Amino acid sequence: MRKEVVEQLVDTFIPPQSVPEQWDIEGLEQALQVEFASEQPVQAWLDADEKLYEEQIKERVLENLNQAYEEKSAAVGDKMRAFEKQITLQILDGLWKEHLATMDHLRQGIFLRSYGGKNPRQEYKREAFALFQDLMTNLQQEVTKVLSHVRIRQDDEADAIEKQRAAELAAQKLSLQHQQSSALSEPRAPSDAAQRATVPVGSNRVDPAPFVRELPKVGRNELCPCGSGRKYKACHGKIA
């Protein structure tokens, strides 16, 4: 699977039967980094050997990638085979759903080809086969890319990460407990509404409002303010 992907990738940037002036070596190195997470100094190889041609470049790239993957697999052991199957099935499931949707779209519109003088049945077979080939190509590329980017953690590194996570969780828990404890221990000042609503238990007494005189005080010998011309003591002063 890796061999097919490498050959297709190299052919994209170094077209078959092309001259070195047509080669995109920088693009090839970048594509290898993206697809395989691996730096392949193709330009340095060409500088060291001007006679290096396309097939030799493919072989050297594939040899380096195979060696790197074998070292990765050796670090994991038999679990790597199960992981490969799991990744392949997951990717195939997603690609297969897309393939079925594309086939359904093709099936619905294939009879329009008859207007162009083509046989719809033959056109359907031809395009369906091309779509299936695309499916297999995409599967190879995606599986190879995912497996190439997988990073194997050593036991010491994994233990260190787990300890770091445990320490972070413990610190978060301690901080939360401290915040809750502070919130319970700090007394709250009563609000203005609560203070106004506070009434001593068992007391129904309401303080009377102070008396405020609305009119000025009139002497007994002064004229009555009613306008009668009589003294206050002989007029409304008698009533008061």
C-alpha atoms as a PDB file:
ATOM      1  CA  MET A   1       0.000   0.000   0.000  1.00  0.00           C
ATOM      2  CA  ARG A   2       2.799   2.411   0.900  1.00  0.00           C
ATOM      3  CA  LYS A   3       4.595   1.578  -2.347  1.00  0.00           C
ATOM      4  CA  GLU A   4       1.626   2.625  -4.503  1.00  0.00           C
ATOM      5  CA  VAL A   5       1.231   5.899  -2.624  1.00  0.00           C
ATOM      6  CA  VAL A   6       4.924   6.755  -2.954  1.00  0.00           C
ATOM      7  CA  GLU A   7       4.915   6.009  -6.681  1.00  0.00           C
ATOM      8  CA  GLN A   8       1.851   8.180  -7.292  1.00  0.00           C
ATOM      9  CA  LEU A   9       3.306  11.015  -5.239  1.00  0.00           C
ATOM     10  CA  VAL A  10       6.676  10.972  -6.984  1.00  0.00           C
ATOM     11  CA  ASP A  11       5.015  10.800 -10.413  1.00  0.00           C
ATOM     12  CA  THR A  12       3.053  13.932  -9.541  1.00  0.00           C
ATOM     13  CA  PHE A  13       6.195  16.030  -9.025  1.00  0.00           C
ATOM     14  CA  ILE A  14       8.563  14.097 -11.292  1.00  0.00           C
ATOM     15  CA  PRO A  15       6.447  13.177 -14.322  1.00  0.00           C
ATOM     16  CA  PRO A  16       7.522   9.990 -16.128  1.00  0.00           C
ATOM     17  CA  GLN A  17       9.740  10.511 -19.172  1.00  0.00           C
ATOM     18  CA  SER A  18      10.414  14.123 -18.131  1.00  0.00           C
ATOM     19  CA  VAL A  19      13.691  16.036 -17.975  1.00  0.00           C
ATOM     20  CA  PRO A  20      15.174  17.377 -14.697  1.00  0.00           C
ATOM     21  CA  GLU A  21      14.166  20.920 -15.635  1.00  0.00           C
ATOM     22  CA  GLN A  22      10.522  19.820 -15.311  1.00  0.00           C
ATOM     23  CA  TRP A  23      10.941  18.308 -11.860  1.00  0.00           C
ATOM     24  CA  ASP A  24       9.466  19.999  -8.777  1.00  0.00           C
ATOM     25  CA  ILE A  25      11.813  18.692  -6.104  1.00  0.00           C
ATOM     26  CA  GLU A  26      10.831  21.267  -3.483  1.00  0.00           C
ATOM     27  CA  GLY A  27       7.161  20.389  -3.938  1.00  0.00           C
ATOM     28  CA  LEU A  28       7.992  16.688  -3.641  1.00  0.00           C
ATOM     29  CA  GLU A  29       9.867  17.183  -0.370  1.00  0.00           C
ATOM     30  CA  GLN A  30       6.971  19.195   1.069  1.00  0.00           C
ATOM     31  CA  ALA A  31       4.427  16.583  -0.048  1.00  0.00           C
ATOM     32  CA  LEU A  32       6.449  13.782   1.553  1.00  0.00           C
ATOM     33  CA  GLN A  33       6.532  15.759   4.793  1.00  0.00           C
ATOM     34  CA  VAL A  34       2.759  16.273   4.714  1.00  0.00           C
ATOM     35  CA  GLU A  35       1.789  12.738   3.701  1.00  0.00           C
ATOM     36  CA  PHE A  36       4.362  10.723   5.660  1.00  0.00           C
ATOM     37  CA  ALA A  37       5.569  13.142   8.365  1.00  0.00           C
ATOM     38  CA  SER A  38       9.081  12.417   7.110  1.00  0.00           C
ATOM     39  CA  GLU A  39      11.844  14.653   5.804  1.00  0.00           C
ATOM     40  CA  GLN A  40      13.388  13.201   2.654  1.00  0.00           C
ATOM     41  CA  PRO A  41      16.344  15.274   1.320  1.00  0.00           C
ATOM     42  CA  VAL A  42      15.687  14.546  -2.349  1.00  0.00           C
ATOM     43  CA  GLN A  43      17.524  17.647  -3.530  1.00  0.00           C
ATOM     44  CA  ALA A  44      20.615  16.636  -1.549  1.00  0.00           C
ATOM     45  CA  TRP A  45      20.510  13.217  -3.209  1.00  0.00           C
ATOM     46  CA  LEU A  46      20.403  14.814  -6.643  1.00  0.00           C
ATOM     47  CA  ASP A  47      23.246  17.186  -5.778  1.00  0.00           C
ATOM     48  CA  ALA A  48      25.371  14.218  -4.714  1.00  0.00           C
ATOM     49  CA  ASP A  49      24.432  12.108  -7.746  1.00  0.00           C
ATOM     50  CA  GLU A  50      23.397  13.894 -10.921  1.00  0.00           C
ATOM     51  CA  LYS A  51      22.598  10.567 -12.591  1.00  0.00           C
ATOM     52  CA  LEU A  52      19.885   9.733 -10.060  1.00  0.00           C
ATOM     53  CA  TYR A  53      16.630   9.168 -11.927  1.00  0.00           C
ATOM     54  CA  GLU A  54      12.969   8.832 -11.067  1.00  0.00           C
ATOM     55  CA  GLU A  55      12.815   5.132 -10.206  1.00  0.00           C
ATOM     56  CA  GLN A  56      15.854   5.370  -7.947  1.00  0.00           C
ATOM     57  CA  ILE A  57      14.276   8.266  -6.084  1.00  0.00           C
ATOM     58  CA  LYS A  58      11.133   6.182  -5.527  1.00  0.00           C
ATOM     59  CA  GLU A  59      13.173   3.263  -4.217  1.00  0.00           C
ATOM     60  CA  ARG A  60      15.184   5.417  -1.825  1.00  0.00           C
ATOM     61  CA  VAL A  61      12.129   7.207  -0.461  1.00  0.00           C
ATOM     62  CA  LEU A  62      10.255   3.930  -0.013  1.00  0.00           C
ATOM     63  CA  GLU A  63      13.236   2.303   1.699  1.00  0.00           C
ATOM     64  CA  ASN A  64      13.488   5.136   4.230  1.00  0.00           C
ATOM     65  CA  LEU A  65       9.756   5.130   4.931  1.00  0.00           C
ATOM     66  CA  ASN A  66       9.624   1.349   5.354  1.00  0.00           C
ATOM     67  CA  GLN A  67      12.540   1.430   7.764  1.00  0.00           C
ATOM     68  CA  ALA A  68      10.929   4.164   9.872  1.00  0.00           C
ATOM     69  CA  TYR A  69       7.621   2.292   9.995  1.00  0.00           C
ATOM     70  CA  GLU A  70       9.290  -0.999  10.949  1.00  0.00           C
ATOM     71  CA  GLU A  71      11.009   0.718  13.864  1.00  0.00           C
ATOM     72  CA  LYS A  72       7.680   2.145  14.954  1.00  0.00           C
ATOM     73  CA  SER A  73       5.974  -1.259  14.697  1.00  0.00           C
ATOM     74  CA  ALA A  74       8.763  -2.960  16.635  1.00  0.00           C
ATOM     75  CA  ALA A  75       8.229  -0.564  19.530  1.00  0.00           C
ATOM     76  CA  VAL A  76       4.553  -1.569  19.750  1.00  0.00           C
ATOM     77  CA  GLY A  77       4.713  -5.254  18.870  1.00  0.00           C
ATOM     78  CA  ASP A  78       1.704  -7.326  17.858  1.00  0.00           C
ATOM     79  CA  LYS A  79      -0.694  -4.545  18.870  1.00  0.00           C
ATOM     80  CA  MET A  80       0.330  -2.646  15.737  1.00  0.00           C
ATOM     81  CA  ARG A  81      -1.445  -5.158  13.474  1.00  0.00           C
ATOM     82  CA  ALA A  82      -4.713  -4.742  15.360  1.00  0.00           C
ATOM     83  CA  PHE A  83      -4.309  -0.972  15.250  1.00  0.00           C
ATOM     84  CA  GLU A  84      -3.749  -1.072  11.480  1.00  0.00           C
ATOM     85  CA  LYS A  85      -6.964  -3.059  10.980  1.00  0.00           C
ATOM     86  CA  GLN A  86      -8.933  -0.686  13.179  1.00  0.00           C
ATOM     87  CA  ILE A  87      -7.697   2.396  11.310  1.00  0.00           C
ATOM     88  CA  THR A  88      -8.351   0.780   7.928  1.00  0.00           C
ATOM     89  CA  LEU A  89     -11.940  -0.134   8.845  1.00  0.00           C
ATOM     90  CA  GLN A  90     -12.695   3.333  10.210  1.00  0.00           C
ATOM     91  CA  ILE A  91     -11.394   5.072   7.096  1.00  0.00           C
ATOM     92  CA  LEU A  92     -13.091   2.576   4.790  1.00  0.00           C
ATOM     93  CA  ASP A  93     -16.418   3.126   6.545  1.00  0.00           C
ATOM     94  CA  GLY A  94     -16.317   6.867   5.892  1.00  0.00           C
ATOM     95  CA  LEU A  95     -15.106   6.558   2.303  1.00  0.00           C
ATOM     96  CA  TRP A  96     -17.661   3.838   1.535  1.00  0.00           C
ATOM     97  CA  LYS A  97     -20.547   6.047   2.650  1.00  0.00           C
ATOM     98  CA  GLU A  98     -19.297   8.814   0.368  1.00  0.00           C
ATOM     99  CA  HIS A  99     -18.919   6.291  -2.461  1.00  0.00           C
ATOM    100  CA  LEU A 100     -22.516   5.078  -2.089  1.00  0.00           C
ATOM    101  CA  ALA A 101     -23.803   8.655  -2.171  1.00  0.00           C
ATOM    102  CA  THR A 102     -21.800   9.335  -5.345  1.00  0.00           C
ATOM    103  CA  MET A 103     -23.086   6.136  -6.962  1.00  0.00           C
ATOM    104  CA  ASP A 104     -26.661   7.095  -6.141  1.00  0.00           C
ATOM    105  CA  HIS A 105     -26.142  10.498  -7.763  1.00  0.00           C
ATOM    106  CA  LEU A 106     -24.655   8.807 -10.841  1.00  0.00           C
ATOM    107  CA  ARG A 107     -27.575   6.372 -11.044  1.00  0.00           C
ATOM    108  CA  GLN A 108     -30.138   9.172 -10.980  1.00  0.00           C
ATOM    109  CA  GLY A 109     -28.578  11.160 -13.810  1.00  0.00           C
ATOM    110  CA  ILE A 110     -27.042   8.497 -16.041  1.00  0.00           C
ATOM    111  CA  PHE A 111     -29.980   8.320 -18.459  1.00  0.00           C
ATOM    112  CA  LEU A 112     -29.324  11.912 -19.490  1.00  0.00           C
ATOM    113  CA  ARG A 113     -26.331  10.537 -21.414  1.00  0.00           C
ATOM    114  CA  SER A 114     -28.736   9.068 -23.961  1.00  0.00           C
ATOM    115  CA  TYR A 115     -29.428  12.585 -25.228  1.00  0.00           C
ATOM    116  CA  GLY A 116     -25.807  12.749 -26.324  1.00  0.00           C
ATOM    117  CA  GLY A 117     -26.088   9.538 -28.296  1.00  0.00           C
ATOM    118  CA  LYS A 118     -24.314   7.442 -25.633  1.00  0.00           C
ATOM    119  CA  ASN A 119     -25.413   4.144 -24.139  1.00  0.00           C
ATOM    120  CA  PRO A 120     -26.464   4.866 -20.524  1.00  0.00           C
ATOM    121  CA  ARG A 121     -25.727   1.301 -19.407  1.00  0.00           C
ATOM    122  CA  GLN A 122     -22.197   1.322 -20.783  1.00  0.00           C
ATOM    123  CA  GLU A 123     -21.553   4.801 -19.396  1.00  0.00           C
ATOM    124  CA  TYR A 124     -22.745   3.696 -15.974  1.00  0.00           C
ATOM    125  CA  LYS A 125     -20.394   0.689 -15.940  1.00  0.00           C
ATOM    126  CA  ARG A 126     -17.446   2.787 -17.061  1.00  0.00           C
ATOM    127  CA  GLU A 127     -17.954   5.576 -14.527  1.00  0.00           C
ATOM    128  CA  ALA A 128     -18.817   3.177 -11.703  1.00  0.00           C
ATOM    129  CA  PHE A 129     -15.525   1.366 -12.253  1.00  0.00           C
ATOM    130  CA  ALA A 130     -13.635   4.675 -12.259  1.00  0.00           C
ATOM    131  CA  LEU A 131     -15.320   5.686  -9.002  1.00  0.00           C
ATOM    132  CA  PHE A 132     -14.364   2.371  -7.409  1.00  0.00           C
ATOM    133  CA  GLN A 133     -10.749   2.880  -8.441  1.00  0.00           C
ATOM    134  CA  ASP A 134     -10.842   6.340  -6.858  1.00  0.00           C
ATOM    135  CA  LEU A 135     -12.218   4.765  -3.687  1.00  0.00           C
ATOM    136  CA  MET A 136      -9.319   2.319  -3.449  1.00  0.00           C
ATOM    137  CA  THR A 137      -6.764   5.040  -4.198  1.00  0.00           C
ATOM    138  CA  ASN A 138      -8.202   7.303  -1.502  1.00  0.00           C
ATOM    139  CA  LEU A 139      -8.232   4.397   0.950  1.00  0.00           C
ATOM    140  CA  GLN A 140      -4.557   3.686   0.355  1.00  0.00           C
ATOM    141  CA  GLN A 141      -3.604   7.330   0.722  1.00  0.00           C
ATOM    142  CA  GLU A 142      -5.627   7.961   3.876  1.00  0.00           C
ATOM    143  CA  VAL A 143      -4.542   4.781   5.682  1.00  0.00           C
ATOM    144  CA  THR A 144      -0.898   5.357   4.788  1.00  0.00           C
ATOM    145  CA  LYS A 145      -1.061   8.966   5.939  1.00  0.00           C
ATOM    146  CA  VAL A 146      -2.699   8.180   9.278  1.00  0.00           C
ATOM    147  CA  LEU A 147      -0.325   5.327  10.093  1.00  0.00           C
ATOM    148  CA  SER A 148       2.662   7.454   9.119  1.00  0.00           C
ATOM    149  CA  HIS A 149       1.610  10.234  11.489  1.00  0.00           C
ATOM    150  CA  VAL A 150       1.036   7.911  14.447  1.00  0.00           C
ATOM    151  CA  ARG A 151       3.448   8.717  17.258  1.00  0.00           C
ATOM    152  CA  ILE A 152       4.468   5.954  19.638  1.00  0.00           C
ATOM    153  CA  ARG A 153       4.840   6.987  23.264  1.00  0.00           C
ATOM    154  CA  GLN A 154       7.403   5.260  25.400  1.00  0.00           C
ATOM    155  CA  ASP A 155       6.356   3.927  28.810  1.00  0.00           C
ATOM    156  CA  ASP A 156       8.349   6.579  30.682  1.00  0.00           C
ATOM    157  CA  GLU A 157       6.803   9.358  28.611  1.00  0.00           C
ATOM    158  CA  ALA A 158       3.289   7.977  29.086  1.00  0.00           C
ATOM    159  CA  ASP A 159       3.817   7.699  32.861  1.00  0.00           C
ATOM    160  CA  ALA A 160       5.079  11.276  33.015  1.00  0.00           C
ATOM    161  CA  ILE A 161       2.014  12.527  31.135  1.00  0.00           C
ATOM    162  CA  GLU A 162      -0.345  10.619  33.445  1.00  0.00           C
ATOM    163  CA  LYS A 163       1.395  12.019  36.526  1.00  0.00           C
ATOM    164  CA  GLN A 164       1.160  15.536  35.129  1.00  0.00           C
ATOM    165  CA  ARG A 165      -2.568  15.116  34.485  1.00  0.00           C
ATOM    166  CA  ALA A 166      -3.110  13.744  37.989  1.00  0.00           C
ATOM    167  CA  ALA A 167      -1.237  16.703  39.500  1.00  0.00           C
ATOM    168  CA  GLU A 168      -3.301  19.186  37.480  1.00  0.00           C
ATOM    169  CA  LEU A 169      -6.564  17.546  38.579  1.00  0.00           C
ATOM    170  CA  ALA A 170      -5.447  17.571  42.224  1.00  0.00           C
ATOM    171  CA  ALA A 171      -4.543  21.265  41.996  1.00  0.00           C
ATOM    172  CA  GLN A 172      -7.928  22.101  40.463  1.00  0.00           C
ATOM    173  CA  LYS A 173      -9.741  20.150  43.184  1.00  0.00           C
ATOM    174  CA  LEU A 174      -7.760  21.885  45.943  1.00  0.00           C
ATOM    175  CA  SER A 175      -8.464  25.310  44.446  1.00  0.00           C
ATOM    176  CA  LEU A 176     -12.192  24.550  44.260  1.00  0.00           C
ATOM    177  CA  GLN A 177     -12.282  23.393  47.888  1.00  0.00           C
ATOM    178  CA  HIS A 178     -10.463  26.563  48.971  1.00  0.00           C
ATOM    179  CA  GLN A 179     -12.972  28.762  47.141  1.00  0.00           C
ATOM    180  CA  GLN A 180     -15.919  26.934  48.705  1.00  0.00           C
ATOM    181  CA  SER A 181     -14.370  27.181  52.180  1.00  0.00           C
ATOM    182  CA  SER A 182     -13.762  30.922  51.788  1.00  0.00           C
ATOM    183  CA  ALA A 183     -17.325  31.490  50.630  1.00  0.00           C
ATOM    184  CA  LEU A 184     -18.739  29.714  53.724  1.00  0.00           C
ATOM    185  CA  SER A 185     -16.455  31.415  56.274  1.00  0.00           C
ATOM    186  CA  GLU A 186     -16.899  35.025  55.155  1.00  0.00           C
ATOM    187  CA  PRO A 187     -19.951  36.740  56.860  1.00  0.00           C
ATOM    188  CA  ARG A 188     -22.348  38.522  54.607  1.00  0.00           C
ATOM    189  CA  ALA A 189     -23.428  42.103  55.392  1.00  0.00           C
ATOM    190  CA  PRO A 190     -27.230  42.385  55.497  1.00  0.00           C
ATOM    191  CA  SER A 191     -28.763  44.307  52.664  1.00  0.00           C
ATOM    192  CA  ASP A 192     -30.642  47.581  53.158  1.00  0.00           C
ATOM    193  CA  ALA A 193     -33.944  45.853  52.469  1.00  0.00           C
ATOM    194  CA  ALA A 194     -33.184  43.208  55.072  1.00  0.00           C
ATOM    195  CA  GLN A 195     -32.275  45.839  57.638  1.00  0.00           C
ATOM    196  CA  ARG A 196     -35.510  47.737  57.006  1.00  0.00           C
ATOM    197  CA  ALA A 197     -37.519  44.518  57.246  1.00  0.00           C
ATOM    198  CA  THR A 198     -35.970  43.512  60.596  1.00  0.00           C
ATOM    199  CA  VAL A 199     -38.488  43.820  63.489  1.00  0.00           C
ATOM    200  CA  PRO A 200     -37.793  42.754  67.090  1.00  0.00           C
ATOM    201  CA  VAL A 201     -39.513  39.495  67.980  1.00  0.00           C
ATOM    202  CA  GLY A 202     -42.690  39.978  70.037  1.00  0.00           C
ATOM    203  CA  SER A 203     -42.984  43.720  69.346  1.00  0.00           C
ATOM    204  CA  ASN A 204     -45.918  45.194  67.410  1.00  0.00           C
ATOM    205  CA  ARG A 205     -45.242  48.828  68.447  1.00  0.00           C
ATOM    206  CA  VAL A 206     -45.059  51.413  65.688  1.00  0.00           C
ATOM    207  CA  ASP A 207     -43.411  54.739  66.554  1.00  0.00           C
ATOM    208  CA  PRO A 208     -45.856  57.669  65.952  1.00  0.00           C
ATOM    209  CA  ALA A 209     -44.849  60.369  63.521  1.00  0.00           C
ATOM    210  CA  PRO A 210     -43.812  63.668  65.225  1.00  0.00           C
ATOM    211  CA  PHE A 211     -46.431  66.493  65.323  1.00  0.00           C
ATOM    212  CA  VAL A 212     -45.834  69.230  62.793  1.00  0.00           C
ATOM    213  CA  ARG A 213     -47.813  72.543  63.080  1.00  0.00           C
ATOM    214  CA  GLU A 214     -49.188  73.498  59.698  1.00  0.00           C
ATOM    215  CA  LEU A 215     -50.218  77.145  60.624  1.00  0.00           C
ATOM    216  CA  PRO A 216     -48.355  79.733  62.739  1.00  0.00           C
ATOM    217  CA  LYS A 217     -49.402  80.034  66.385  1.00  0.00           C
ATOM    218  CA  VAL A 218     -51.917  82.935  67.079  1.00  0.00           C
ATOM    219  CA  GLY A 219     -51.868  84.872  70.350  1.00  0.00           C
ATOM    220  CA  ARG A 220     -55.137  85.178  72.339  1.00  0.00           C
ATOM    221  CA  ASN A 221     -55.222  88.991  72.078  1.00  0.00           C
ATOM    222  CA  GLU A 222     -54.388  89.024  68.357  1.00  0.00           C
ATOM    223  CA  LEU A 223     -57.004  89.367  65.639  1.00  0.00           C
ATOM    224  CA  CYS A 224     -58.561  86.118  64.648  1.00  0.00           C
ATOM    225  CA  PRO A 225     -57.183  84.890  61.279  1.00  0.00           C
ATOM    226  CA  CYS A 226     -60.734  84.144  60.109  1.00  0.00           C
ATOM    227  CA  GLY A 227     -61.158  87.864  59.187  1.00  0.00           C
ATOM    228  CA  SER A 228     -64.036  88.638  61.589  1.00  0.00           C
ATOM    229  CA  GLY A 229     -62.169  91.600  63.154  1.00  0.00           C
ATOM    230  CA  ARG A 230     -62.601  90.163  66.616  1.00  0.00           C
ATOM    231  CA  LYS A 231     -59.812  89.059  68.934  1.00  0.00           C
ATOM    232  CA  TYR A 232     -58.795  85.459  68.699  1.00  0.00           C
ATOM    233  CA  LYS A 233     -59.783  84.763  72.348  1.00  0.00           C
ATOM    234  CA  ALA A 234     -63.324  86.045  71.657  1.00  0.00           C
ATOM    235  CA  CYS A 235     -63.693  84.230  68.336  1.00  0.00           C
ATOM    236  CA  HIS A 236     -62.165  80.915  67.306  1.00  0.00           C
ATOM    237  CA  GLY A 237     -59.935  80.957  70.366  1.00  0.00           C
ATOM    238  CA  LYS A 238     -62.966  79.938  72.426  1.00  0.00           C
ATOM    239  CA  ILE A 239     -63.261  76.714  70.443  1.00  0.00           C
ATOM    240  CA  ALA A 240     -59.575  75.920  70.745  1.00  0.00           C
END
